[in-house]
PDB file of N, CA and C in Angstrom:
ATOM      1  N   UNK A   1       0.845  -1.179   0.000  1.00  0.00           N
ATOM      2  CA  UNK A   1       0.000   0.000   0.000  1.00  0.00           C
ATOM      3  C   UNK A   1       0.892   1.245   0.000  1.00  0.00           C
ATOM      4  N   UNK A   2       0.526   2.212  -0.813  1.00  0.00           N
ATOM      5  CA  UNK A   2       1.225   3.495  -0.833  1.00  0.00           C
ATOM      6  C   UNK A   2       0.790   4.340   0.353  1.00  0.00           C
ATOM      7  N   UNK A   3       1.741   5.085   0.885  1.00  0.00           N
ATOM      8  CA  UNK A   3       1.448   5.978   1.999  1.00  0.00           C
ATOM      9  C   UNK A   3       1.882   7.384   1.632  1.00  0.00           C
ATOM     10  N   UNK A   4       1.047   8.350   1.988  1.00  0.00           N
ATOM     11  CA  UNK A   4       1.332   9.751   1.706  1.00  0.00           C
ATOM     12  C   UNK A   4       1.105  10.543   2.985  1.00  0.00           C
ATOM     13  N   UNK A   5       2.105  11.333   3.371  1.00  0.00           N
ATOM     14  CA  UNK A   5       1.974  12.198   4.540  1.00  0.00           C
ATOM     15  C   UNK A   5       1.966  13.643   4.041  1.00  0.00           C
ATOM     16  N   UNK A   6       0.843  14.306   4.203  1.00  0.00           N
ATOM     17  CA  UNK A   6       0.668  15.666   3.705  1.00  0.00           C
ATOM     18  C   UNK A   6       1.283  16.690   4.648  1.00  0.00           C
ATOM     19  N   UNK A   7       2.000  17.645   4.082  1.00  0.00           N
ATOM     20  CA  UNK A   7       2.558  18.730   4.879  1.00  0.00           C
ATOM     21  C   UNK A   7       1.540  19.867   5.004  1.00  0.00           C
ATOM     22  N   UNK A   8       1.901  20.893   5.736  1.00  0.00           N
ATOM     23  CA  UNK A   8       0.981  22.005   5.981  1.00  0.00           C
ATOM     24  C   UNK A   8       0.570  22.689   4.684  1.00  0.00           C
ATOM     25  N   UNK A   9       1.510  22.924   3.785  1.00  0.00           N
ATOM     26  CA  UNK A   9       1.183  23.583   2.518  1.00  0.00           C
ATOM     27  C   UNK A   9       0.159  22.785   1.721  1.00  0.00           C
ATOM     28  N   UNK A  10       0.318  21.471   1.690  1.00  0.00           N
ATOM     29  CA  UNK A  10      -0.633  20.616   0.972  1.00  0.00           C
ATOM     30  C   UNK A  10      -2.015  20.667   1.613  1.00  0.00           C
ATOM     31  N   UNK A  11      -2.043  20.654   2.937  1.00  0.00           N
ATOM     32  CA  UNK A  11      -3.329  20.717   3.642  1.00  0.00           C
ATOM     33  C   UNK A  11      -4.036  22.047   3.387  1.00  0.00           C
ATOM     34  N   UNK A  12      -3.282  23.132   3.419  1.00  0.00           N
ATOM     35  CA  UNK A  12      -3.872  24.447   3.159  1.00  0.00           C
ATOM     36  C   UNK A  12      -4.418  24.503   1.733  1.00  0.00           C
ATOM     37  N   UNK A  13      -3.671  23.967   0.791  1.00  0.00           N
ATOM     38  CA  UNK A  13      -4.134  23.947  -0.600  1.00  0.00           C
ATOM     39  C   UNK A  13      -5.421  23.143  -0.737  1.00  0.00           C
ATOM     40  N   UNK A  14      -5.505  22.007  -0.071  1.00  0.00           N
ATOM     41  CA  UNK A  14      -6.743  21.222  -0.080  1.00  0.00           C
ATOM     42  C   UNK A  14      -7.878  21.986   0.590  1.00  0.00           C
ATOM     43  N   UNK A  15      -7.558  22.601   1.707  1.00  0.00           N
ATOM     44  CA  UNK A  15      -8.529  23.372   2.471  1.00  0.00           C
ATOM     45  C   UNK A  15      -9.149  24.466   1.604  1.00  0.00           C
ATOM     46  N   UNK A  16      -8.327  25.033   0.720  1.00  0.00           N
ATOM     47  CA  UNK A  16      -8.767  26.133  -0.156  1.00  0.00           C
ATOM     48  C   UNK A  16      -9.267  25.638  -1.510  1.00  0.00           C
ATOM     49  N   UNK A  17      -9.386  24.318  -1.654  1.00  0.00           N
ATOM     50  CA  UNK A  17      -9.845  23.700  -2.900  1.00  0.00           C
ATOM     51  C   UNK A  17      -8.987  24.079  -4.102  1.00  0.00           C
ATOM     52  N   UNK A  18      -7.687  24.155  -3.885  1.00  0.00           N
ATOM     53  CA  UNK A  18      -6.764  24.419  -4.973  1.00  0.00           C
ATOM     54  C   UNK A  18      -6.873  23.281  -5.992  1.00  0.00           C
ATOM     55  N   UNK A  19      -7.105  23.601  -7.276  1.00  0.00           N
ATOM     56  CA  UNK A  19      -7.315  22.538  -8.271  1.00  0.00           C
ATOM     57  C   UNK A  19      -6.181  21.515  -8.353  1.00  0.00           C
ATOM     58  N   UNK A  20      -4.925  21.968  -8.272  1.00  0.00           N
ATOM     59  CA  UNK A  20      -3.798  21.025  -8.322  1.00  0.00           C
ATOM     60  C   UNK A  20      -3.786  20.105  -7.114  1.00  0.00           C
ATOM     61  N   UNK A  21      -4.081  20.659  -5.944  1.00  0.00           N
ATOM     62  CA  UNK A  21      -4.114  19.851  -4.728  1.00  0.00           C
ATOM     63  C   UNK A  21      -5.254  18.851  -4.765  1.00  0.00           C
ATOM     64  N   UNK A  22      -6.395  19.285  -5.249  1.00  0.00           N
ATOM     65  CA  UNK A  22      -7.545  18.379  -5.359  1.00  0.00           C
ATOM     66  C   UNK A  22      -7.225  17.245  -6.334  1.00  0.00           C
ATOM     67  N   UNK A  23      -6.579  17.597  -7.437  1.00  0.00           N
ATOM     68  CA  UNK A  23      -6.207  16.581  -8.431  1.00  0.00           C
ATOM     69  C   UNK A  23      -5.237  15.563  -7.836  1.00  0.00           C
ATOM     70  N   UNK A  24      -4.245  16.040  -7.062  1.00  0.00           N
ATOM     71  CA  UNK A  24      -3.304  15.123  -6.399  1.00  0.00           C
ATOM     72  C   UNK A  24      -4.034  14.225  -5.405  1.00  0.00           C
ATOM     73  N   UNK A  25      -4.967  14.809  -4.648  1.00  0.00           N
ATOM     74  CA  UNK A  25      -5.725  14.016  -3.672  1.00  0.00           C
ATOM     75  C   UNK A  25      -6.549  12.941  -4.375  1.00  0.00           C
ATOM     76  N   UNK A  26      -7.139  13.285  -5.494  1.00  0.00           N
ATOM     77  CA  UNK A  26      -7.905  12.305  -6.263  1.00  0.00           C
ATOM     78  C   UNK A  26      -6.998  11.192  -6.782  1.00  0.00           C
ATOM     79  N   UNK A  27      -5.770  11.563  -7.182  1.00  0.00           N
ATOM     80  CA  UNK A  27      -4.799  10.559  -7.633  1.00  0.00           C
ATOM     81  C   UNK A  27      -4.456   9.612  -6.492  1.00  0.00           C
ATOM     82  N   UNK A  28      -4.181  10.172  -5.310  1.00  0.00           N
ATOM     83  CA  UNK A  28      -3.875   9.335  -4.148  1.00  0.00           C
ATOM     84  C   UNK A  28      -5.037   8.411  -3.823  1.00  0.00           C
ATOM     85  N   UNK A  29      -6.246   8.955  -3.932  1.00  0.00           N
ATOM     86  CA  UNK A  29      -7.444   8.164  -3.645  1.00  0.00           C
ATOM     87  C   UNK A  29      -7.572   7.013  -4.642  1.00  0.00           C
ATOM     88  N   UNK A  30      -7.310   7.280  -5.917  1.00  0.00           N
ATOM     89  CA  UNK A  30      -7.419   6.231  -6.934  1.00  0.00           C
ATOM     90  C   UNK A  30      -6.353   5.151  -6.750  1.00  0.00           C
ATOM     91  N   UNK A  31      -5.243   5.521  -6.100  1.00  0.00           N
ATOM     92  CA  UNK A  31      -4.178   4.554  -5.807  1.00  0.00           C
ATOM     93  C   UNK A  31      -4.437   3.799  -4.502  1.00  0.00           C
ATOM     94  N   UNK A  32      -5.546   4.134  -3.834  1.00  0.00           N
ATOM     95  CA  UNK A  32      -5.862   3.568  -2.519  1.00  0.00           C
ATOM     96  C   UNK A  32      -4.741   3.835  -1.524  1.00  0.00           C
ATOM     97  N   UNK A  33      -4.120   5.002  -1.636  1.00  0.00           N
ATOM     98  CA  UNK A  33      -3.038   5.365  -0.730  1.00  0.00           C
ATOM     99  C   UNK A  33      -3.586   5.697   0.654  1.00  0.00           C
ATOM    100  N   UNK A  34      -2.807   5.371   1.659  1.00  0.00           N
ATOM    101  CA  UNK A  34      -3.139   5.769   3.021  1.00  0.00           C
ATOM    102  C   UNK A  34      -2.647   7.209   3.194  1.00  0.00           C
ATOM    103  N   UNK A  35      -3.568   8.142   3.341  1.00  0.00           N
ATOM    104  CA  UNK A  35      -3.222   9.553   3.451  1.00  0.00           C
ATOM    105  C   UNK A  35      -3.196   9.935   4.917  1.00  0.00           C
ATOM    106  N   UNK A  36      -2.115  10.629   5.299  1.00  0.00           N
ATOM    107  CA  UNK A  36      -1.965  11.025   6.690  1.00  0.00           C
ATOM    108  C   UNK A  36      -1.339  12.413   6.760  1.00  0.00           C
ATOM    109  N   UNK A  37      -1.283  12.918   7.957  1.00  0.00           N
ATOM    110  CA  UNK A  37      -0.544  14.128   8.276  1.00  0.00           C
ATOM    111  C   UNK A  37      -0.107  13.997   9.729  1.00  0.00           C
ATOM    112  N   UNK A  38       0.573  14.994  10.226  1.00  0.00           N
ATOM    113  CA  UNK A  38       1.025  14.928  11.614  1.00  0.00           C
ATOM    114  C   UNK A  38       0.132  15.781  12.512  1.00  0.00           C
ATOM    115  N   UNK A  39       0.204  15.511  13.782  1.00  0.00           N
ATOM    116  CA  UNK A  39      -0.570  16.308  14.740  1.00  0.00           C
ATOM    117  C   UNK A  39      -0.082  17.753  14.765  1.00  0.00           C
ATOM    118  N   UNK A  40       1.183  17.978  14.450  1.00  0.00           N
ATOM    119  CA  UNK A  40       1.699  19.349  14.382  1.00  0.00           C
ATOM    120  C   UNK A  40       1.042  20.102  13.231  1.00  0.00           C
ATOM    121  N   UNK A  41       0.909  19.429  12.073  1.00  0.00           N
ATOM    122  CA  UNK A  41       0.234  20.058  10.943  1.00  0.00           C
ATOM    123  C   UNK A  41      -1.236  20.320  11.258  1.00  0.00           C
ATOM    124  N   UNK A  42      -1.875  19.389  11.952  1.00  0.00           N
ATOM    125  CA  UNK A  42      -3.271  19.593  12.353  1.00  0.00           C
ATOM    126  C   UNK A  42      -3.378  20.814  13.265  1.00  0.00           C
ATOM    127  N   UNK A  43      -2.438  20.954  14.185  1.00  0.00           N
ATOM    128  CA  UNK A  43      -2.424  22.128  15.062  1.00  0.00           C
ATOM    129  C   UNK A  43      -2.375  23.407  14.241  1.00  0.00           C
ATOM    130  N   UNK A  44      -1.493  23.456  13.245  1.00  0.00           N
ATOM    131  CA  UNK A  44      -1.350  24.659  12.426  1.00  0.00           C
ATOM    132  C   UNK A  44      -2.647  24.995  11.693  1.00  0.00           C
ATOM    133  N   UNK A  45      -3.302  23.974  11.167  1.00  0.00           N
ATOM    134  CA  UNK A  45      -4.558  24.200  10.440  1.00  0.00           C
ATOM    135  C   UNK A  45      -5.640  24.685  11.403  1.00  0.00           C
ATOM    136  N   UNK A  46      -5.774  24.029  12.554  1.00  0.00           N
ATOM    137  CA  UNK A  46      -6.780  24.470  13.535  1.00  0.00           C
ATOM    138  C   UNK A  46      -6.467  25.876  14.057  1.00  0.00           C
ATOM    139  N   UNK A  47      -5.214  26.179  14.266  1.00  0.00           N
ATOM    140  CA  UNK A  47      -4.828  27.506  14.734  1.00  0.00           C
ATOM    141  C   UNK A  47      -5.327  28.565  13.758  1.00  0.00           C
ATOM    142  N   UNK A  48      -5.069  28.344  12.469  1.00  0.00           N
ATOM    143  CA  UNK A  48      -5.531  29.275  11.448  1.00  0.00           C
ATOM    144  C   UNK A  48      -7.044  29.327  11.357  1.00  0.00           C
ATOM    145  N   UNK A  49      -7.682  28.162  11.482  1.00  0.00           N
ATOM    146  CA  UNK A  49      -9.146  28.101  11.386  1.00  0.00           C
ATOM    147  C   UNK A  49      -9.799  28.892  12.516  1.00  0.00           C
ATOM    148  N   UNK A  50      -9.304  28.717  13.736  1.00  0.00           N
ATOM    149  CA  UNK A  50      -9.885  29.427  14.880  1.00  0.00           C
ATOM    150  C   UNK A  50      -9.629  30.932  14.815  1.00  0.00           C
ATOM    151  N   UNK A  51      -8.542  31.340  14.172  1.00  0.00           N
ATOM    152  CA  UNK A  51      -8.207  32.761  14.063  1.00  0.00           C
ATOM    153  C   UNK A  51      -8.886  33.433  12.864  1.00  0.00           C
ATOM    154  N   UNK A  52      -9.504  32.662  11.996  1.00  0.00           N
ATOM    155  CA  UNK A  52     -10.071  33.212  10.767  1.00  0.00           C
ATOM    156  C   UNK A  52     -11.395  33.939  11.025  1.00  0.00           C
ATOM    157  N   UNK A  53     -11.815  34.699  10.035  1.00  0.00           N
ATOM    158  CA  UNK A  53     -13.084  35.442  10.142  1.00  0.00           C
ATOM    159  C   UNK A  53     -14.288  34.517  10.201  1.00  0.00           C
ATOM    160  N   UNK A  54     -14.202  33.380   9.532  1.00  0.00           N
ATOM    161  CA  UNK A  54     -15.292  32.401   9.517  1.00  0.00           C
ATOM    162  C   UNK A  54     -14.885  31.174  10.325  1.00  0.00           C
ATOM    163  N   UNK A  55     -14.580  31.409  11.594  1.00  0.00           N
ATOM    164  CA  UNK A  55     -14.015  30.348  12.429  1.00  0.00           C
ATOM    165  C   UNK A  55     -14.887  29.098  12.470  1.00  0.00           C
ATOM    166  N   UNK A  56     -16.162  29.239  12.720  1.00  0.00           N
ATOM    167  CA  UNK A  56     -17.025  28.058  12.844  1.00  0.00           C
ATOM    168  C   UNK A  56     -16.997  27.230  11.562  1.00  0.00           C
ATOM    169  N   UNK A  57     -17.097  27.887  10.429  1.00  0.00           N
ATOM    170  CA  UNK A  57     -17.086  27.198   9.138  1.00  0.00           C
ATOM    171  C   UNK A  57     -15.734  26.523   8.894  1.00  0.00           C
ATOM    172  N   UNK A  58     -14.647  27.234   9.186  1.00  0.00           N
ATOM    173  CA  UNK A  58     -13.320  26.690   8.919  1.00  0.00           C
ATOM    174  C   UNK A  58     -12.921  25.588   9.888  1.00  0.00           C
ATOM    175  N   UNK A  59     -13.355  25.680  11.122  1.00  0.00           N
ATOM    176  CA  UNK A  59     -13.101  24.590  12.078  1.00  0.00           C
ATOM    177  C   UNK A  59     -13.852  23.339  11.632  1.00  0.00           C
ATOM    178  N   UNK A  60     -15.066  23.505  11.150  1.00  0.00           N
ATOM    179  CA  UNK A  60     -15.852  22.369  10.638  1.00  0.00           C
ATOM    180  C   UNK A  60     -15.140  21.735   9.442  1.00  0.00           C
ATOM    181  N   UNK A  61     -14.611  22.576   8.533  1.00  0.00           N
ATOM    182  CA  UNK A  61     -13.863  22.046   7.387  1.00  0.00           C
ATOM    183  C   UNK A  61     -12.627  21.284   7.852  1.00  0.00           C
ATOM    184  N   UNK A  62     -11.953  21.816   8.863  1.00  0.00           N
ATOM    185  CA  UNK A  62     -10.774  21.132   9.407  1.00  0.00           C
ATOM    186  C   UNK A  62     -11.177  19.801  10.037  1.00  0.00           C
ATOM    187  N   UNK A  63     -12.265  19.807  10.797  1.00  0.00           N
ATOM    188  CA  UNK A  63     -12.767  18.559  11.391  1.00  0.00           C
ATOM    189  C   UNK A  63     -13.033  17.513  10.311  1.00  0.00           C
ATOM    190  N   UNK A  64     -13.721  17.939   9.254  1.00  0.00           N
ATOM    191  CA  UNK A  64     -14.046  17.011   8.169  1.00  0.00           C
ATOM    192  C   UNK A  64     -12.781  16.464   7.515  1.00  0.00           C
ATOM    193  N   UNK A  65     -11.816  17.344   7.275  1.00  0.00           N
ATOM    194  CA  UNK A  65     -10.570  16.921   6.654  1.00  0.00           C
ATOM    195  C   UNK A  65      -9.834  15.914   7.532  1.00  0.00           C
ATOM    196  N   UNK A  66      -9.681  16.238   8.822  1.00  0.00           N
ATOM    197  CA  UNK A  66      -8.913  15.355   9.693  1.00  0.00           C
ATOM    198  C   UNK A  66      -9.653  14.074  10.058  1.00  0.00           C
ATOM    199  N   UNK A  67     -10.956  14.072   9.923  1.00  0.00           N
ATOM    200  CA  UNK A  67     -11.709  12.832  10.122  1.00  0.00           C
ATOM    201  C   UNK A  67     -11.618  11.917   8.901  1.00  0.00           C
ATOM    202  N   UNK A  68     -11.136  12.453   7.777  1.00  0.00           N
ATOM    203  CA  UNK A  68     -11.054  11.645   6.557  1.00  0.00           C
ATOM    204  C   UNK A  68      -9.648  11.095   6.306  1.00  0.00           C
ATOM    205  N   UNK A  69      -8.670  11.517   7.102  1.00  0.00           N
ATOM    206  CA  UNK A  69      -7.298  11.032   6.946  1.00  0.00           C
ATOM    207  C   UNK A  69      -6.754  10.608   8.308  1.00  0.00           C
ATOM    208  N   UNK A  70      -5.627   9.968   8.284  1.00  0.00           N
ATOM    209  CA  UNK A  70      -4.986   9.538   9.531  1.00  0.00           C
ATOM    210  C   UNK A  70      -4.105  10.678  10.052  1.00  0.00           C
ATOM    211  N   UNK A  71      -4.210  10.964  11.332  1.00  0.00           N
ATOM    212  CA  UNK A  71      -3.361  11.976  11.956  1.00  0.00           C
ATOM    213  C   UNK A  71      -2.347  11.250  12.828  1.00  0.00           C
ATOM    214  N   UNK A  72      -1.072  11.388  12.459  1.00  0.00           N
ATOM    215  CA  UNK A  72       0.010  10.732  13.176  1.00  0.00           C
ATOM    216  C   UNK A  72       0.362  11.547  14.416  1.00  0.00           C
ATOM    217  N   UNK A  73       0.338  10.896  15.553  1.00  0.00           N
ATOM    218  CA  UNK A  73       0.608  11.578  16.821  1.00  0.00           C
ATOM    219  C   UNK A  73       2.103  11.732  17.042  1.00  0.00           C
ATOM    220  N   UNK A  74       2.482  12.864  17.559  1.00  0.00           N
ATOM    221  CA  UNK A  74       3.881  13.099  17.912  1.00  0.00           C
ATOM    222  C   UNK A  74       4.029  12.838  19.402  1.00  0.00           C
ATOM    223  N   UNK A  75       4.691  11.753  19.696  1.00  0.00           N
ATOM    224  CA  UNK A  75       4.940  11.389  21.091  1.00  0.00           C
ATOM    225  C   UNK A  75       6.418  11.617  21.383  1.00  0.00           C
ATOM    226  N   UNK A  76       6.762  11.531  22.629  1.00  0.00           N
ATOM    227  CA  UNK A  76       8.165  11.657  23.007  1.00  0.00           C
ATOM    228  C   UNK A  76       8.986  10.576  22.325  1.00  0.00           C
ATOM    229  N   UNK A  77       8.461   9.368  22.285  1.00  0.00           N
ATOM    230  CA  UNK A  77       9.187   8.263  21.654  1.00  0.00           C
ATOM    231  C   UNK A  77       9.352   8.475  20.154  1.00  0.00           C
ATOM    232  N   UNK A  78       8.300   8.932  19.470  1.00  0.00           N
ATOM    233  CA  UNK A  78       8.434   9.171  18.027  1.00  0.00           C
ATOM    234  C   UNK A  78       9.370  10.336  17.749  1.00  0.00           C
ATOM    235  N   UNK A  79       9.376  11.330  18.637  1.00  0.00           N
ATOM    236  CA  UNK A  79      10.320  12.443  18.498  1.00  0.00           C
ATOM    237  C   UNK A  79      11.753  11.946  18.606  1.00  0.00           C
ATOM    238  N   UNK A  80      11.982  11.049  19.548  1.00  0.00           N
ATOM    239  CA  UNK A  80      13.324  10.493  19.755  1.00  0.00           C
ATOM    240  C   UNK A  80      13.764   9.685  18.545  1.00  0.00           C
ATOM    241  N   UNK A  81      12.857   8.857  18.002  1.00  0.00           N
ATOM    242  CA  UNK A  81      13.185   8.047  16.827  1.00  0.00           C
ATOM    243  C   UNK A  81      13.480   8.922  15.623  1.00  0.00           C
ATOM    244  N   UNK A  82      12.740  10.008  15.483  1.00  0.00           N
ATOM    245  CA  UNK A  82      12.938  10.906  14.338  1.00  0.00           C
ATOM    246  C   UNK A  82      14.250  11.662  14.435  1.00  0.00           C
ATOM    247  N   UNK A  83      14.685  11.922  15.676  1.00  0.00           N
ATOM    248  CA  UNK A  83      15.921  12.665  15.893  1.00  0.00           C
ATOM    249  C   UNK A  83      17.097  11.854  15.498  1.00  0.00           C
TER     250      UNK A  83
END
């Protein structure tokens, strides 16, 4: 199985319905790839969503996005392994 971990820029592009990002996401979906991101990236997206003018709408969009992909947790042990 293919695995894809989306960075913050990719998530923002998806969040904004950027055509290139949507096309890449559709490609990953057609490949049955496991799509994920990190909890740090989720934090960044939620931070922006809560600070935005349409917070309720954007938080809901973030919820929907993160409920549709895997969010990798950053633990002390995973931090150590990555270091």
